[in-house]
Amino acid sequence: MMLTRESNIDQERLTGLLAASAEMVFSVMLKEQPRVMTPASKADGDVLHDGIISFIGLAGEWSGTGSVLCSGAAALSLASRLLLIEAKAVDQEVLDAVGEITNMIFGNFKDCVESYFGQLSLSTPSVIYGRHVRARDLPSALTAIAAVECGGEPIELKVCLSPARKSTSGAGVLVSSRYNGLR
């Protein structure tokens, strides 16, 4: 499929697409109409968090990460709605549900922004749960932070993107050839 490239995207539009992606996933998959709110985090990249942080990688002509931050209580609510159960503790099932919601939100977001950034691929989400978890984003060309309230709990979404670096060494070809037995 050939995409028509749009010329520019600003932070406000990027943030709006991120929030709209979350709203779509929550309304369709969780039967919940989230309320858009002001994010608590700053765009400087340093976050100290109690609860859950779910990361997903984006790669293509632009690359970076998407993340979902929420409390344990928010994760229980999300998992209960997604899995149609009453989740009582943050366990493997709840963490998997948060990872799947991350995948759905950023899959939708990816589809929304490919006309600006070219074709993008997503990694498998990684989900971290704990107290006083510190996450730091490296500087990026574009950072957007959105927040929604779902089930009375705040959920923060963040995406950091930069143009991908082109490899001039050819090392990727050599590694790929070695793994295919083609030395």
Protein backbone atom coordinates (compact mmCIF):
# COMPACT_ATOMS: atom_id res chain seq x y z
CA MET A 1 0.00 0.00 0.00
CA MET A 2 1.40 3.39 -1.00
CA LEU A 3 0.97 6.16 1.54
CA THR A 4 0.65 9.79 0.60
CA ARG A 5 3.01 11.73 2.83
CA GLU A 6 1.67 14.71 4.69
CA SER A 7 4.24 17.44 5.15
CA ASN A 8 4.35 18.30 8.86
CA ILE A 9 2.84 17.40 12.18
CA ASP A 10 3.09 19.54 15.28
CA GLN A 11 3.08 18.49 18.91
CA GLU A 12 -0.53 19.53 19.42
CA ARG A 13 -1.74 17.34 16.53
CA LEU A 14 0.46 14.44 17.68
CA THR A 15 -0.96 14.72 21.22
CA GLY A 16 -4.50 14.84 19.84
CA LEU A 17 -3.92 11.67 17.78
CA LEU A 18 -2.47 9.92 20.83
CA ALA A 19 -5.49 10.84 22.98
CA ALA A 20 -7.91 9.88 20.19
CA SER A 21 -6.21 6.48 19.85
CA ALA A 22 -6.71 5.81 23.56
CA GLU A 23 -10.30 7.03 23.43
CA MET A 24 -11.06 4.67 20.54
CA VAL A 25 -9.54 1.64 22.27
CA PHE A 26 -11.27 2.39 25.58
CA SER A 27 -14.67 2.99 24.00
CA VAL A 28 -14.59 -0.03 21.65
CA MET A 29 -12.69 -2.62 23.70
CA LEU A 30 -13.54 -1.57 27.27
CA LYS A 31 -16.97 0.01 26.69
CA GLU A 32 -15.75 3.07 28.59
CA GLN A 33 -15.82 6.71 27.50
CA PRO A 34 -12.62 8.16 28.94
CA ARG A 35 -12.32 11.82 29.85
CA VAL A 36 -9.30 13.65 28.41
CA MET A 37 -7.34 15.38 31.17
CA THR A 38 -4.12 17.34 31.67
CA PRO A 39 -1.07 15.06 31.97
CA ALA A 40 0.86 15.08 35.26
CA SER A 41 4.23 14.30 33.61
CA LYS A 42 6.45 16.79 31.86
CA ALA A 43 8.09 16.27 28.49
CA ASP A 44 11.60 16.34 30.01
CA GLY A 45 11.69 12.55 30.03
CA ASP A 46 12.23 11.81 33.74
CA VAL A 47 9.38 9.96 35.49
CA LEU A 48 9.27 8.54 39.02
CA HIS A 49 6.22 6.34 39.21
CA ASP A 50 4.42 3.95 41.55
CA GLY A 51 2.39 1.47 39.55
CA ILE A 52 2.68 0.21 36.00
CA ILE A 53 4.66 1.42 33.03
CA SER A 54 4.12 -0.39 29.75
CA PHE A 55 6.54 0.34 26.88
CA ILE A 56 6.29 -0.45 23.19
CA GLY A 57 8.87 0.28 20.50
CA LEU A 58 8.12 1.96 17.18
CA ALA A 59 10.51 1.52 14.25
CA GLY A 60 10.70 2.67 10.65
CA GLU A 61 11.91 5.91 9.09
CA TRP A 62 11.18 7.32 12.54
CA SER A 63 11.71 5.32 15.72
CA GLY A 64 11.01 5.65 19.40
CA THR A 65 8.79 4.43 22.20
CA GLY A 66 5.23 4.63 23.30
CA SER A 67 4.27 4.18 26.93
CA VAL A 68 1.26 3.83 29.16
CA LEU A 69 1.56 4.78 32.85
CA CYS A 70 -1.13 3.90 35.36
CA SER A 71 -1.68 2.94 38.97
CA GLY A 72 -2.29 -0.60 40.12
CA ALA A 73 -5.95 0.34 40.67
CA ALA A 74 -6.24 1.59 37.09
CA ALA A 75 -4.63 -1.63 35.81
CA LEU A 76 -7.16 -3.70 37.77
CA SER A 77 -10.01 -1.69 36.26
CA LEU A 78 -8.61 -1.98 32.72
CA ALA A 79 -7.99 -5.72 33.02
CA SER A 80 -11.44 -6.32 34.53
CA ARG A 81 -13.11 -4.56 31.63
CA LEU A 82 -10.94 -6.11 28.92
CA LEU A 83 -11.05 -9.67 30.25
CA LEU A 84 -14.61 -9.52 31.64
CA ILE A 85 -13.43 -10.66 35.07
CA GLU A 86 -13.10 -9.08 38.48
CA ALA A 87 -9.34 -8.64 38.82
CA LYS A 88 -8.40 -8.42 42.50
CA ALA A 89 -4.60 -8.28 42.39
CA VAL A 90 -1.98 -7.08 39.94
CA ASP A 91 -0.83 -10.43 38.63
CA GLN A 92 0.41 -11.85 35.32
CA GLU A 93 -3.08 -11.69 33.79
CA VAL A 94 -3.46 -8.00 34.69
CA LEU A 95 0.02 -7.13 33.39
CA ASP A 96 -0.72 -9.00 30.15
CA ALA A 97 -3.97 -7.03 29.79
CA VAL A 98 -2.13 -3.71 30.23
CA GLY A 99 0.41 -4.84 27.62
CA GLU A 100 -2.40 -5.72 25.21
CA ILE A 101 -4.09 -2.35 25.77
CA THR A 102 -0.73 -0.67 25.11
CA ASN A 103 -0.43 -2.65 21.89
CA MET A 104 -3.95 -1.65 20.79
CA ILE A 105 -3.49 2.05 21.60
CA PHE A 106 -0.15 2.36 19.84
CA GLY A 107 -1.26 0.13 16.96
CA ASN A 108 -4.10 2.59 16.37
CA PHE A 109 -1.74 5.54 16.87
CA LYS A 110 0.76 4.04 14.38
CA ASP A 111 -1.98 3.78 11.75
CA CYS A 112 -2.93 7.43 12.38
CA VAL A 113 0.62 8.81 11.99
CA GLU A 114 2.07 6.72 9.16
CA SER A 115 1.04 9.40 6.67
CA TYR A 116 3.47 11.72 8.48
CA PHE A 117 6.29 9.36 9.45
CA GLY A 118 6.20 6.57 6.88
CA GLN A 119 5.53 2.92 7.62
CA LEU A 120 6.12 1.98 11.26
CA SER A 121 6.39 -1.35 13.03
CA LEU A 122 5.61 -2.11 16.66
CA SER A 123 7.57 -4.28 19.08
CA THR A 124 6.07 -6.52 21.72
CA PRO A 125 5.14 -4.48 24.82
CA SER A 126 7.18 -4.72 28.03
CA VAL A 127 5.27 -4.13 31.26
CA ILE A 128 6.91 -3.10 34.54
CA TYR A 129 5.15 -3.01 37.91
CA GLY A 130 6.63 -1.62 41.09
CA ARG A 131 7.14 1.24 43.50
CA HIS A 132 9.44 4.16 42.84
CA VAL A 133 10.12 3.03 39.28
CA ARG A 134 12.21 5.60 37.44
CA ALA A 135 11.93 5.85 33.67
CA ARG A 136 13.87 8.27 31.54
CA ASP A 137 13.39 9.03 27.86
CA LEU A 138 16.36 10.03 25.80
CA PRO A 139 15.97 13.33 23.96
CA SER A 140 13.72 12.98 20.93
CA ALA A 141 12.64 15.19 18.05
CA LEU A 142 8.97 14.90 18.98
CA THR A 143 7.37 14.07 22.32
CA ALA A 144 3.65 13.99 22.99
CA ILE A 145 1.96 13.31 26.32
CA ALA A 146 -1.76 12.78 26.73
CA ALA A 147 -3.82 11.68 29.70
CA VAL A 148 -7.28 10.23 30.09
CA GLU A 149 -9.38 9.27 33.06
CA CYS A 150 -10.96 5.86 32.75
CA GLY A 151 -13.03 4.35 35.54
CA GLY A 152 -12.07 7.26 37.78
CA GLU A 153 -8.34 6.56 37.41
CA PRO A 154 -5.79 8.64 35.46
CA ILE A 155 -3.88 6.92 32.65
CA GLU A 156 -0.99 8.69 30.98
CA LEU A 157 0.19 8.05 27.43
CA LYS A 158 3.48 9.18 25.97
CA VAL A 159 5.22 8.85 22.64
CA CYS A 160 8.77 9.91 21.81
CA LEU A 161 9.89 9.82 18.16
CA SER A 162 13.04 10.77 16.25
CA PRO A 163 14.19 10.19 12.70
CA ALA A 164 15.84 6.75 12.54
CA ARG A 165 19.57 6.67 12.03
CA LYS A 166 20.69 5.08 8.80
CA SER A 167 23.37 2.42 9.19
CA THR A 168 26.34 3.00 6.90
CA SER A 169 28.42 0.13 8.25
CA GLY A 170 26.48 -2.72 6.66
CA ALA A 171 26.71 -4.56 9.99
CA GLY A 172 22.99 -5.33 9.91
CA VAL A 173 23.44 -7.20 6.64
CA LEU A 174 26.39 -9.19 8.03
CA VAL A 175 24.52 -10.14 11.19
CA SER A 176 21.45 -11.11 9.18
CA SER A 177 23.57 -13.20 6.79
CA ARG A 178 25.34 -14.96 9.65
CA TYR A 179 22.05 -15.91 11.25
CA ASN A 180 20.83 -17.29 7.94
CA GLY A 181 23.98 -19.45 7.66
CA LEU A 182 25.27 -17.45 4.65
CA ARG A 183 28.60 -16.16 6.04
